[in-house]
């Protein structure tokens, strides 16, 4: 059966600074590049047939490093982007908390659907799962597809793909930079979560 790997991008300077990225472009720092280089041979060993990526720079650079190890050219797709967080993009957690404690509490506890400037989880789930559907459709029998994306959008897209309730995303916990999710297709056409937040062995 077909398989999917969802891979979060490597660390950026903004990750280290606890600065909200959203859909602003930020690049991998030295740690992030090392993470991508370390995970690349692990992904290559899975022998993926296709490699898709968010079009944001931090995901694209991660995918380029992985693609070099896999012999694949990454295909960029904006549907794999992170949540848009409006006016809070570019601010640190501390700046957000000082400016609007109530909204920061919503952000901190993952209630992004209640943030006035945030992209709705339903919209993220719709675009993300549509992209995964196209990726799966492009795979042959028993082939593996890799999608490089972002922590929050992966969780939202994942639970929607599996048919779980949106609240289940909070139960999964945050994805570590360059951690991966593994999914396996079942004979009935559904999908099974085989692994979550797997780091380099």
N, C-alpha and C. Protein backbone atom coordinates (compact mmCIF):
# COMPACT_ATOMS: atom_id res chain seq x y z
N UNK A 1 0.83 -1.19 0.00
CA UNK A 1 0.00 0.00 0.00
C UNK A 1 0.88 1.25 0.00
N UNK A 2 0.28 2.37 -0.37
CA UNK A 2 1.04 3.62 -0.44
C UNK A 2 1.31 4.16 0.97
N UNK A 3 2.36 4.97 1.06
CA UNK A 3 2.75 5.55 2.35
C UNK A 3 3.03 7.04 2.19
N UNK A 4 2.91 7.76 3.30
CA UNK A 4 3.22 9.19 3.34
C UNK A 4 4.14 9.48 4.51
N UNK A 5 5.06 10.41 4.29
CA UNK A 5 5.86 10.97 5.37
C UNK A 5 5.65 12.48 5.36
N UNK A 6 5.25 13.03 6.49
CA UNK A 6 5.11 14.47 6.67
C UNK A 6 6.29 14.92 7.53
N UNK A 7 7.08 15.82 7.00
CA UNK A 7 8.32 16.23 7.67
C UNK A 7 8.27 17.72 8.00
N UNK A 8 8.50 18.05 9.26
CA UNK A 8 8.58 19.47 9.61
C UNK A 8 9.95 20.02 9.20
N UNK A 9 9.97 21.28 8.83
CA UNK A 9 11.22 21.93 8.42
C UNK A 9 12.21 22.01 9.57
N UNK A 10 13.48 22.29 9.24
CA UNK A 10 14.52 22.47 10.25
C UNK A 10 14.38 23.79 10.99
N UNK A 11 15.17 23.95 12.01
CA UNK A 11 15.09 25.14 12.87
C UNK A 11 15.50 26.40 12.13
N UNK A 12 14.81 27.48 12.44
CA UNK A 12 15.17 28.81 11.96
C UNK A 12 15.60 29.66 13.15
N UNK A 13 16.22 30.80 12.86
CA UNK A 13 16.57 31.73 13.94
C UNK A 13 15.31 32.19 14.67
N UNK A 14 14.21 32.32 13.94
CA UNK A 14 12.96 32.75 14.56
C UNK A 14 12.41 31.68 15.50
N UNK A 15 12.59 30.40 15.16
CA UNK A 15 12.22 29.34 16.10
C UNK A 15 12.98 29.51 17.41
N UNK A 16 14.28 29.73 17.29
CA UNK A 16 15.13 29.86 18.48
C UNK A 16 14.76 31.08 19.30
N UNK A 17 14.28 32.13 18.64
CA UNK A 17 13.91 33.37 19.33
C UNK A 17 12.47 33.35 19.83
N UNK A 18 11.74 32.27 19.58
CA UNK A 18 10.31 32.19 19.89
C UNK A 18 9.56 33.34 19.22
N UNK A 19 9.90 33.55 17.95
CA UNK A 19 9.25 34.58 17.15
C UNK A 19 8.25 33.90 16.21
N UNK A 20 7.05 34.45 16.12
CA UNK A 20 5.98 33.83 15.34
C UNK A 20 6.26 34.01 13.85
N UNK A 21 6.30 32.89 13.13
CA UNK A 21 6.64 32.92 11.71
C UNK A 21 5.42 32.99 10.82
N UNK A 22 4.46 32.10 11.06
CA UNK A 22 3.29 32.07 10.19
C UNK A 22 3.71 31.89 8.74
N UNK A 23 3.25 32.79 7.89
CA UNK A 23 3.57 32.68 6.47
C UNK A 23 4.65 33.67 6.04
N UNK A 24 5.34 34.28 7.01
CA UNK A 24 6.51 35.11 6.67
C UNK A 24 7.67 34.18 6.36
N UNK A 25 8.43 34.53 5.33
CA UNK A 25 9.60 33.72 4.98
C UNK A 25 10.71 33.92 5.99
N UNK A 26 11.24 32.82 6.50
CA UNK A 26 12.42 32.83 7.35
C UNK A 26 13.27 31.64 6.93
N UNK A 27 14.56 31.77 7.05
CA UNK A 27 15.46 30.74 6.54
C UNK A 27 16.01 29.87 7.65
N UNK A 28 16.50 28.72 7.28
CA UNK A 28 17.12 27.82 8.26
C UNK A 28 18.38 28.46 8.83
N UNK A 29 18.61 28.27 10.13
CA UNK A 29 19.89 28.67 10.71
C UNK A 29 20.85 27.48 10.63
N UNK A 30 22.01 27.60 11.24
CA UNK A 30 23.01 26.53 11.15
C UNK A 30 22.50 25.24 11.77
N UNK A 31 21.76 25.37 12.86
CA UNK A 31 21.18 24.17 13.49
C UNK A 31 20.18 23.52 12.55
N UNK A 32 19.34 24.33 11.93
CA UNK A 32 18.34 23.81 11.01
C UNK A 32 18.94 23.11 9.80
N UNK A 33 20.01 23.69 9.27
CA UNK A 33 20.69 23.05 8.14
C UNK A 33 21.30 21.71 8.56
N UNK A 34 21.85 21.66 9.77
CA UNK A 34 22.40 20.40 10.27
C UNK A 34 21.30 19.37 10.49
N UNK A 35 20.15 19.82 10.98
CA UNK A 35 19.03 18.90 11.16
C UNK A 35 18.58 18.33 9.82
N UNK A 36 18.48 19.19 8.81
CA UNK A 36 18.06 18.73 7.49
C UNK A 36 19.07 17.75 6.91
N UNK A 37 20.35 18.04 7.09
CA UNK A 37 21.39 17.15 6.58
C UNK A 37 21.36 15.80 7.29
N UNK A 38 21.00 15.81 8.57
CA UNK A 38 20.96 14.56 9.33
C UNK A 38 19.75 13.71 8.96
N UNK A 39 18.60 14.36 8.72
CA UNK A 39 17.40 13.58 8.41
C UNK A 39 17.36 13.14 6.96
N UNK A 40 18.10 13.82 6.09
CA UNK A 40 18.05 13.51 4.65
C UNK A 40 18.35 12.05 4.33
N UNK A 41 19.44 11.46 4.85
CA UNK A 41 19.69 10.06 4.53
C UNK A 41 18.66 9.10 5.13
N UNK A 42 18.05 9.51 6.24
CA UNK A 42 17.00 8.68 6.85
C UNK A 42 15.79 8.62 5.92
N UNK A 43 15.41 9.78 5.37
CA UNK A 43 14.30 9.82 4.43
C UNK A 43 14.67 9.11 3.14
N UNK A 44 15.90 9.29 2.69
CA UNK A 44 16.35 8.64 1.45
C UNK A 44 16.29 7.13 1.56
N UNK A 45 16.57 6.62 2.74
CA UNK A 45 16.53 5.16 2.96
C UNK A 45 15.13 4.59 2.80
N UNK A 46 14.12 5.45 2.92
CA UNK A 46 12.73 5.01 2.73
C UNK A 46 12.36 4.93 1.25
N UNK A 47 13.26 5.41 0.38
CA UNK A 47 13.11 5.36 -1.07
C UNK A 47 11.82 6.05 -1.55
N UNK A 48 11.67 7.34 -1.23
CA UNK A 48 10.47 8.05 -1.69
C UNK A 48 10.44 8.21 -3.20
N UNK A 49 9.23 8.21 -3.73
CA UNK A 49 9.04 8.42 -5.17
C UNK A 49 8.78 9.89 -5.49
N UNK A 50 8.18 10.62 -4.54
CA UNK A 50 7.84 12.02 -4.76
C UNK A 50 8.19 12.83 -3.52
N UNK A 51 8.59 14.08 -3.74
CA UNK A 51 8.94 14.99 -2.65
C UNK A 51 8.27 16.33 -2.92
N UNK A 52 7.28 16.66 -2.11
CA UNK A 52 6.58 17.94 -2.22
C UNK A 52 6.90 18.78 -1.00
N UNK A 53 6.75 20.09 -1.13
CA UNK A 53 7.10 20.98 -0.04
C UNK A 53 6.25 22.25 -0.04
N UNK A 54 6.06 22.81 1.14
CA UNK A 54 5.53 24.16 1.24
C UNK A 54 6.45 25.09 0.46
N UNK A 55 5.88 26.17 -0.07
CA UNK A 55 6.69 27.11 -0.84
C UNK A 55 7.42 28.13 0.03
N UNK A 56 7.22 28.08 1.35
CA UNK A 56 7.93 28.99 2.24
C UNK A 56 9.39 28.54 2.37
N UNK A 57 10.30 29.53 2.50
CA UNK A 57 11.73 29.29 2.37
C UNK A 57 12.27 28.23 3.33
N UNK A 58 11.80 28.22 4.57
CA UNK A 58 12.34 27.28 5.55
C UNK A 58 12.01 25.84 5.20
N UNK A 59 10.83 25.63 4.62
CA UNK A 59 10.46 24.28 4.18
C UNK A 59 11.16 23.92 2.87
N UNK A 60 11.22 24.88 1.95
CA UNK A 60 11.87 24.61 0.65
C UNK A 60 13.33 24.24 0.83
N UNK A 61 14.04 24.95 1.73
CA UNK A 61 15.46 24.65 1.93
C UNK A 61 15.63 23.28 2.55
N UNK A 62 14.76 22.94 3.50
CA UNK A 62 14.80 21.59 4.08
C UNK A 62 14.58 20.54 3.00
N UNK A 63 13.59 20.79 2.14
CA UNK A 63 13.28 19.84 1.07
C UNK A 63 14.42 19.73 0.06
N UNK A 64 15.11 20.83 -0.19
CA UNK A 64 16.25 20.78 -1.12
C UNK A 64 17.34 19.87 -0.60
N UNK A 65 17.61 19.97 0.70
CA UNK A 65 18.64 19.12 1.31
C UNK A 65 18.21 17.65 1.26
N UNK A 66 16.96 17.40 1.60
CA UNK A 66 16.43 16.03 1.54
C UNK A 66 16.43 15.53 0.10
N UNK A 67 16.03 16.38 -0.82
CA UNK A 67 15.97 15.99 -2.22
C UNK A 67 17.32 15.60 -2.79
N UNK A 68 18.38 16.27 -2.35
CA UNK A 68 19.73 15.91 -2.83
C UNK A 68 20.09 14.49 -2.43
N UNK A 69 19.68 14.09 -1.22
CA UNK A 69 19.96 12.74 -0.75
C UNK A 69 19.08 11.70 -1.44
N UNK A 70 17.88 12.11 -1.82
CA UNK A 70 16.92 11.18 -2.43
C UNK A 70 17.00 11.14 -3.95
N UNK A 71 17.70 12.11 -4.53
CA UNK A 71 17.72 12.21 -5.98
C UNK A 71 16.40 12.70 -6.55
N UNK A 72 15.72 13.56 -5.77
CA UNK A 72 14.43 14.09 -6.19
C UNK A 72 14.44 15.61 -6.17
N UNK A 73 13.74 16.21 -7.12
CA UNK A 73 13.57 17.65 -7.14
C UNK A 73 12.28 17.99 -6.39
N UNK A 74 12.35 18.80 -5.34
CA UNK A 74 11.13 19.12 -4.59
C UNK A 74 10.13 19.92 -5.44
N UNK A 75 8.86 19.62 -5.26
CA UNK A 75 7.78 20.34 -5.91
C UNK A 75 7.11 21.23 -4.87
N UNK A 76 7.13 22.55 -5.08
CA UNK A 76 6.58 23.48 -4.10
C UNK A 76 5.08 23.64 -4.29
N UNK A 77 4.35 23.67 -3.18
CA UNK A 77 2.90 23.83 -3.21
C UNK A 77 2.48 24.70 -2.03
N UNK A 78 1.86 25.83 -2.31
CA UNK A 78 1.48 26.77 -1.25
C UNK A 78 0.43 26.21 -0.30
N UNK A 79 -0.25 25.14 -0.69
CA UNK A 79 -1.26 24.55 0.19
C UNK A 79 -0.66 23.90 1.43
N UNK A 80 0.65 23.67 1.40
CA UNK A 80 1.35 23.08 2.55
C UNK A 80 1.89 24.14 3.51
N UNK A 81 1.55 25.40 3.28
CA UNK A 81 2.06 26.49 4.14
C UNK A 81 1.57 26.37 5.59
N UNK A 82 2.28 27.10 6.44
CA UNK A 82 1.86 27.23 7.84
C UNK A 82 0.60 28.11 7.91
N UNK A 83 -0.05 28.09 9.06
CA UNK A 83 -1.15 29.00 9.33
C UNK A 83 -0.72 30.44 9.05
N UNK A 84 -1.63 31.24 8.56
CA UNK A 84 -1.45 32.68 8.55
C UNK A 84 -1.92 33.22 9.90
N UNK A 85 -1.05 34.02 10.56
CA UNK A 85 -1.40 34.56 11.87
C UNK A 85 -1.46 36.08 11.87
N UNK A 86 -1.70 36.64 10.70
CA UNK A 86 -1.99 38.06 10.58
C UNK A 86 -0.98 38.98 11.22
N UNK A 87 -1.47 39.92 12.02
CA UNK A 87 -0.61 40.97 12.56
C UNK A 87 0.40 40.47 13.58
N UNK A 88 0.22 39.24 14.07
CA UNK A 88 1.15 38.74 15.08
C UNK A 88 2.38 38.10 14.45
N UNK A 89 2.38 37.90 13.15
CA UNK A 89 3.56 37.33 12.49
C UNK A 89 4.73 38.30 12.62
N UNK A 90 5.88 37.78 13.02
CA UNK A 90 7.07 38.59 13.18
C UNK A 90 7.31 39.05 14.61
N UNK A 91 6.32 38.88 15.49
CA UNK A 91 6.50 39.28 16.89
C UNK A 91 6.96 38.08 17.72
N UNK A 92 7.66 38.36 18.80
CA UNK A 92 8.05 37.29 19.72
C UNK A 92 6.88 36.95 20.62
N UNK A 93 6.97 35.80 21.26
CA UNK A 93 5.92 35.42 22.21
C UNK A 93 5.80 36.47 23.32
N UNK A 94 6.94 36.97 23.79
CA UNK A 94 6.92 37.97 24.86
C UNK A 94 6.25 39.26 24.40
N UNK A 95 6.53 39.69 23.17
CA UNK A 95 5.90 40.89 22.64
C UNK A 95 4.40 40.71 22.48
N UNK A 96 4.00 39.54 22.01
CA UNK A 96 2.58 39.22 21.84
C UNK A 96 1.89 39.25 23.20
N UNK A 97 2.49 38.60 24.19
CA UNK A 97 1.88 38.53 25.53
C UNK A 97 1.73 39.91 26.15
N UNK A 98 2.71 40.77 25.92
CA UNK A 98 2.64 42.12 26.48
C UNK A 98 1.59 42.97 25.77
N UNK A 99 1.46 42.79 24.46
CA UNK A 99 0.55 43.61 23.68
C UNK A 99 -0.91 43.21 23.85
N UNK A 100 -1.17 41.91 23.97
CA UNK A 100 -2.55 41.43 24.05
C UNK A 100 -2.58 40.11 24.82
N UNK A 101 -2.60 40.18 26.16
CA UNK A 101 -2.54 38.95 26.97
C UNK A 101 -3.66 37.96 26.67
N UNK A 102 -4.85 38.47 26.38
CA UNK A 102 -5.98 37.56 26.12
C UNK A 102 -5.77 36.77 24.84
N UNK A 103 -5.38 37.45 23.77
CA UNK A 103 -5.13 36.76 22.51
C UNK A 103 -3.92 35.84 22.61
N UNK A 104 -2.92 36.26 23.38
CA UNK A 104 -1.75 35.39 23.54
C UNK A 104 -2.12 34.10 24.24
N UNK A 105 -3.02 34.17 25.19
CA UNK A 105 -3.46 32.95 25.88
C UNK A 105 -4.16 32.01 24.90
N UNK A 106 -4.94 32.56 23.98
CA UNK A 106 -5.56 31.74 22.94
C UNK A 106 -4.49 31.09 22.07
N UNK A 107 -3.48 31.87 21.70
CA UNK A 107 -2.38 31.36 20.88
C UNK A 107 -1.61 30.28 21.63
N UNK A 108 -1.27 30.55 22.88
CA UNK A 108 -0.45 29.63 23.67
C UNK A 108 -1.13 28.29 23.90
N UNK A 109 -2.44 28.31 24.03
CA UNK A 109 -3.19 27.09 24.30
C UNK A 109 -3.74 26.45 23.02
N UNK A 110 -3.32 26.94 21.85
CA UNK A 110 -3.70 26.32 20.60
C UNK A 110 -5.10 26.62 20.13
N UNK A 111 -5.76 27.62 20.71
CA UNK A 111 -7.13 27.96 20.29
C UNK A 111 -7.08 29.02 19.20
N UNK A 112 -6.36 28.69 18.14
CA UNK A 112 -6.11 29.64 17.06
C UNK A 112 -7.39 29.99 16.30
N UNK A 113 -8.39 29.11 16.37
CA UNK A 113 -9.65 29.39 15.69
C UNK A 113 -10.37 30.58 16.33
N UNK A 114 -9.98 30.95 17.56
CA UNK A 114 -10.59 32.07 18.25
C UNK A 114 -9.80 33.36 18.08
N UNK A 115 -8.63 33.28 17.45
CA UNK A 115 -7.83 34.48 17.22
C UNK A 115 -8.39 35.25 16.03
N UNK A 116 -8.68 36.54 16.20
CA UNK A 116 -9.30 37.29 15.09
C UNK A 116 -8.45 37.39 13.84
N UNK A 117 -7.12 37.33 13.99
CA UNK A 117 -6.24 37.49 12.83
C UNK A 117 -5.74 36.17 12.26
N UNK A 118 -6.14 35.06 12.84
CA UNK A 118 -5.60 33.77 12.43
C UNK A 118 -6.43 33.13 11.32
N UNK A 119 -5.75 32.42 10.43
CA UNK A 119 -6.43 31.60 9.44
C UNK A 119 -7.21 30.51 10.17
N UNK A 120 -8.40 30.25 9.74
CA UNK A 120 -9.25 29.27 10.41
C UNK A 120 -8.71 27.86 10.22
N UNK A 121 -8.74 27.03 11.28
CA UNK A 121 -8.28 25.65 11.15
C UNK A 121 -8.98 24.90 10.02
N UNK A 122 -10.27 25.18 9.81
CA UNK A 122 -11.00 24.50 8.74
C UNK A 122 -10.40 24.81 7.38
N UNK A 123 -9.95 26.05 7.20
CA UNK A 123 -9.34 26.44 5.93
C UNK A 123 -7.99 25.75 5.75
N UNK A 124 -7.22 25.68 6.84
CA UNK A 124 -5.91 25.00 6.78
C UNK A 124 -6.12 23.52 6.47
N UNK A 125 -7.06 22.89 7.18
CA UNK A 125 -7.33 21.47 6.96
C UNK A 125 -7.76 21.21 5.52
N UNK A 126 -8.59 22.09 4.97
CA UNK A 126 -9.09 21.89 3.60
C UNK A 126 -7.96 21.94 2.59
N UNK A 127 -7.11 22.96 2.69
CA UNK A 127 -6.03 23.10 1.70
C UNK A 127 -4.96 22.02 1.88
N UNK A 128 -4.66 21.69 3.14
CA UNK A 128 -3.60 20.71 3.40
C UNK A 128 -4.02 19.32 2.93
N UNK A 129 -5.24 18.91 3.26
CA UNK A 129 -5.69 17.58 2.85
C UNK A 129 -5.89 17.49 1.34
N UNK A 130 -6.29 18.59 0.71
CA UNK A 130 -6.40 18.59 -0.75
C UNK A 130 -5.04 18.33 -1.38
N UNK A 131 -4.00 18.93 -0.81
CA UNK A 131 -2.66 18.71 -1.33
C UNK A 131 -2.22 17.26 -1.11
N UNK A 132 -2.48 16.73 0.09
CA UNK A 132 -2.12 15.33 0.34
C UNK A 132 -2.87 14.39 -0.61
N UNK A 133 -4.11 14.71 -0.89
CA UNK A 133 -4.87 13.89 -1.83
C UNK A 133 -4.25 13.87 -3.21
N UNK A 134 -3.79 15.04 -3.67
CA UNK A 134 -3.12 15.09 -4.97
C UNK A 134 -1.80 14.35 -4.95
N UNK A 135 -1.08 14.45 -3.83
CA UNK A 135 0.20 13.73 -3.71
C UNK A 135 -0.03 12.23 -3.76
N UNK A 136 -1.02 11.76 -3.02
CA UNK A 136 -1.32 10.33 -3.02
C UNK A 136 -1.75 9.86 -4.41
N UNK A 137 -2.56 10.66 -5.09
CA UNK A 137 -3.02 10.30 -6.43
C UNK A 137 -1.86 10.17 -7.42
N UNK A 138 -0.78 10.91 -7.16
CA UNK A 138 0.38 10.87 -8.05
C UNK A 138 1.31 9.69 -7.75
N UNK A 139 1.07 8.99 -6.65
CA UNK A 139 1.89 7.85 -6.28
C UNK A 139 1.41 6.58 -6.98
N UNK A 140 2.34 5.70 -7.29
CA UNK A 140 2.00 4.38 -7.79
C UNK A 140 1.80 3.41 -6.63
N UNK A 141 1.38 2.18 -6.91
CA UNK A 141 1.20 1.19 -5.85
C UNK A 141 2.48 1.01 -5.03
N UNK A 142 2.31 0.99 -3.72
CA UNK A 142 3.42 0.75 -2.78
C UNK A 142 4.48 1.85 -2.78
N UNK A 143 4.19 3.00 -3.39
CA UNK A 143 5.17 4.08 -3.38
C UNK A 143 4.98 4.99 -2.16
N UNK A 144 6.04 5.73 -1.85
CA UNK A 144 6.07 6.63 -0.71
C UNK A 144 6.19 8.07 -1.18
N UNK A 145 5.37 8.95 -0.62
CA UNK A 145 5.46 10.37 -0.90
C UNK A 145 5.85 11.13 0.35
N UNK A 146 6.67 12.16 0.19
CA UNK A 146 7.12 12.99 1.31
C UNK A 146 6.60 14.41 1.11
N UNK A 147 6.05 14.99 2.17
CA UNK A 147 5.61 16.38 2.16
C UNK A 147 6.33 17.11 3.28
N UNK A 148 7.09 18.14 2.93
CA UNK A 148 7.80 18.96 3.92
C UNK A 148 6.94 20.18 4.22
N UNK A 149 6.61 20.37 5.48
CA UNK A 149 5.68 21.45 5.83
C UNK A 149 6.03 22.03 7.19
N UNK A 150 4.99 22.39 7.95
CA UNK A 150 5.16 23.18 9.18
C UNK A 150 4.39 22.53 10.33
N UNK A 151 4.86 22.79 11.54
CA UNK A 151 4.34 22.08 12.70
C UNK A 151 2.84 22.15 12.89
N UNK A 152 2.29 23.36 12.93
CA UNK A 152 0.86 23.49 13.22
C UNK A 152 -0.01 23.03 12.05
N UNK A 153 0.40 23.36 10.83
CA UNK A 153 -0.41 22.94 9.68
C UNK A 153 -0.36 21.43 9.48
N UNK A 154 0.77 20.81 9.82
CA UNK A 154 0.83 19.35 9.73
C UNK A 154 -0.16 18.72 10.70
N UNK A 155 -0.18 19.20 11.94
CA UNK A 155 -1.09 18.62 12.93
C UNK A 155 -2.56 18.80 12.51
N UNK A 156 -2.90 19.98 12.06
CA UNK A 156 -4.28 20.24 11.63
C UNK A 156 -4.64 19.38 10.41
N UNK A 157 -3.73 19.35 9.43
CA UNK A 157 -3.98 18.55 8.24
C UNK A 157 -4.03 17.06 8.53
N UNK A 158 -3.18 16.62 9.45
CA UNK A 158 -3.11 15.21 9.78
C UNK A 158 -4.41 14.70 10.38
N UNK A 159 -4.94 15.40 11.37
CA UNK A 159 -6.17 14.91 12.02
C UNK A 159 -7.34 14.96 11.04
N UNK A 160 -7.35 15.95 10.15
CA UNK A 160 -8.41 16.00 9.14
C UNK A 160 -8.27 14.85 8.15
N UNK A 161 -7.05 14.55 7.75
CA UNK A 161 -6.78 13.45 6.82
C UNK A 161 -7.23 12.11 7.40
N UNK A 162 -7.04 11.96 8.71
CA UNK A 162 -7.41 10.71 9.38
C UNK A 162 -8.88 10.66 9.77
N UNK A 163 -9.59 11.79 9.61
CA UNK A 163 -10.99 11.83 9.98
C UNK A 163 -11.23 11.99 11.46
N UNK A 164 -10.21 12.45 12.19
CA UNK A 164 -10.35 12.69 13.62
C UNK A 164 -10.99 14.05 13.87
N UNK A 165 -11.43 14.29 15.10
CA UNK A 165 -11.97 15.60 15.43
C UNK A 165 -10.83 16.62 15.48
N UNK A 166 -11.12 17.88 15.16
CA UNK A 166 -10.07 18.91 15.21
C UNK A 166 -9.38 19.01 16.56
N UNK A 167 -10.09 18.72 17.65
CA UNK A 167 -9.50 18.81 18.98
C UNK A 167 -8.36 17.82 19.18
N UNK A 168 -8.33 16.77 18.38
CA UNK A 168 -7.27 15.76 18.52
C UNK A 168 -5.90 16.33 18.19
N UNK A 169 -5.85 17.42 17.44
CA UNK A 169 -4.56 18.02 17.10
C UNK A 169 -3.81 18.45 18.35
N UNK A 170 -4.53 18.96 19.35
CA UNK A 170 -3.89 19.38 20.59
C UNK A 170 -3.32 18.19 21.35
N UNK A 171 -3.98 17.05 21.26
CA UNK A 171 -3.53 15.85 21.96
C UNK A 171 -2.22 15.31 21.39
N UNK A 172 -1.94 15.60 20.14
CA UNK A 172 -0.72 15.08 19.52
C UNK A 172 0.54 15.78 20.02
N UNK A 173 0.42 17.02 20.44
CA UNK A 173 1.59 17.75 20.89
C UNK A 173 2.36 18.34 19.73
N UNK A 174 3.26 19.27 20.04
CA UNK A 174 4.02 19.98 19.01
C UNK A 174 5.03 19.07 18.33
N UNK A 175 5.22 19.30 17.03
CA UNK A 175 6.25 18.57 16.28
C UNK A 175 7.60 19.25 16.46
N UNK A 176 8.63 18.47 16.68
CA UNK A 176 9.99 18.98 16.78
C UNK A 176 10.51 19.30 15.37
N UNK A 177 11.42 20.27 15.28
CA UNK A 177 12.01 20.57 13.98
C UNK A 177 12.65 19.33 13.37
N UNK A 178 12.33 19.07 12.11
CA UNK A 178 12.82 17.92 11.33
C UNK A 178 12.36 16.58 11.88
N UNK A 179 11.30 16.60 12.70
CA UNK A 179 10.66 15.34 13.09
C UNK A 179 9.67 14.96 12.00
N UNK A 180 9.31 13.70 11.96
CA UNK A 180 8.45 13.23 10.87
C UNK A 180 7.24 12.46 11.40
N UNK A 181 6.23 12.43 10.55
CA UNK A 181 5.02 11.66 10.76
C UNK A 181 4.96 10.62 9.65
N UNK A 182 4.60 9.38 9.99
CA UNK A 182 4.51 8.32 8.98
C UNK A 182 3.09 7.79 8.93
N UNK A 183 2.56 7.67 7.73
CA UNK A 183 1.19 7.21 7.49
C UNK A 183 1.20 6.06 6.49
N UNK A 184 0.35 5.09 6.72
CA UNK A 184 0.26 3.92 5.85
C UNK A 184 -1.18 3.74 5.38
N UNK A 185 -1.34 3.53 4.09
CA UNK A 185 -2.68 3.30 3.53
C UNK A 185 -3.16 1.90 3.89
N UNK A 186 -4.44 1.81 4.22
CA UNK A 186 -5.04 0.51 4.53
C UNK A 186 -5.73 -0.07 3.30
N UNK A 187 -6.07 -1.32 3.37
CA UNK A 187 -6.75 -1.98 2.25
C UNK A 187 -8.13 -1.38 2.00
N UNK A 188 -8.75 -0.82 3.05
CA UNK A 188 -10.09 -0.25 2.88
C UNK A 188 -10.03 1.18 2.33
N UNK A 189 -8.82 1.67 2.03
CA UNK A 189 -8.67 3.02 1.48
C UNK A 189 -8.43 4.09 2.52
N UNK A 190 -8.59 3.76 3.80
CA UNK A 190 -8.29 4.69 4.87
C UNK A 190 -6.79 4.73 5.16
N UNK A 191 -6.43 5.51 6.15
CA UNK A 191 -5.01 5.66 6.49
C UNK A 191 -4.79 5.43 7.98
N UNK A 192 -3.64 4.86 8.32
CA UNK A 192 -3.25 4.59 9.69
C UNK A 192 -2.05 5.44 10.06
N UNK A 193 -2.10 6.05 11.24
CA UNK A 193 -0.95 6.79 11.75
C UNK A 193 0.05 5.77 12.30
N UNK A 194 1.17 5.60 11.60
CA UNK A 194 2.16 4.61 11.98
C UNK A 194 3.18 5.16 12.97
N UNK A 195 3.46 6.47 12.88
CA UNK A 195 4.46 7.07 13.78
C UNK A 195 4.23 8.58 13.80
N UNK A 196 4.53 9.19 14.96
CA UNK A 196 4.36 10.63 15.11
C UNK A 196 5.54 11.21 15.87
N UNK A 197 6.03 12.35 15.38
CA UNK A 197 7.14 13.08 16.01
C UNK A 197 8.39 12.21 16.15
N UNK A 198 8.71 11.50 15.08
CA UNK A 198 9.88 10.62 15.08
C UNK A 198 11.12 11.45 14.72
N UNK A 199 12.11 11.40 15.58
CA UNK A 199 13.36 12.09 15.32
C UNK A 199 14.37 11.14 14.70
N UNK A 200 15.51 11.67 14.32
CA UNK A 200 16.56 10.87 13.70
C UNK A 200 16.99 9.79 14.68
N UNK A 201 17.11 8.55 14.25
CA UNK A 201 17.51 7.46 15.17
C UNK A 201 18.86 7.75 15.83
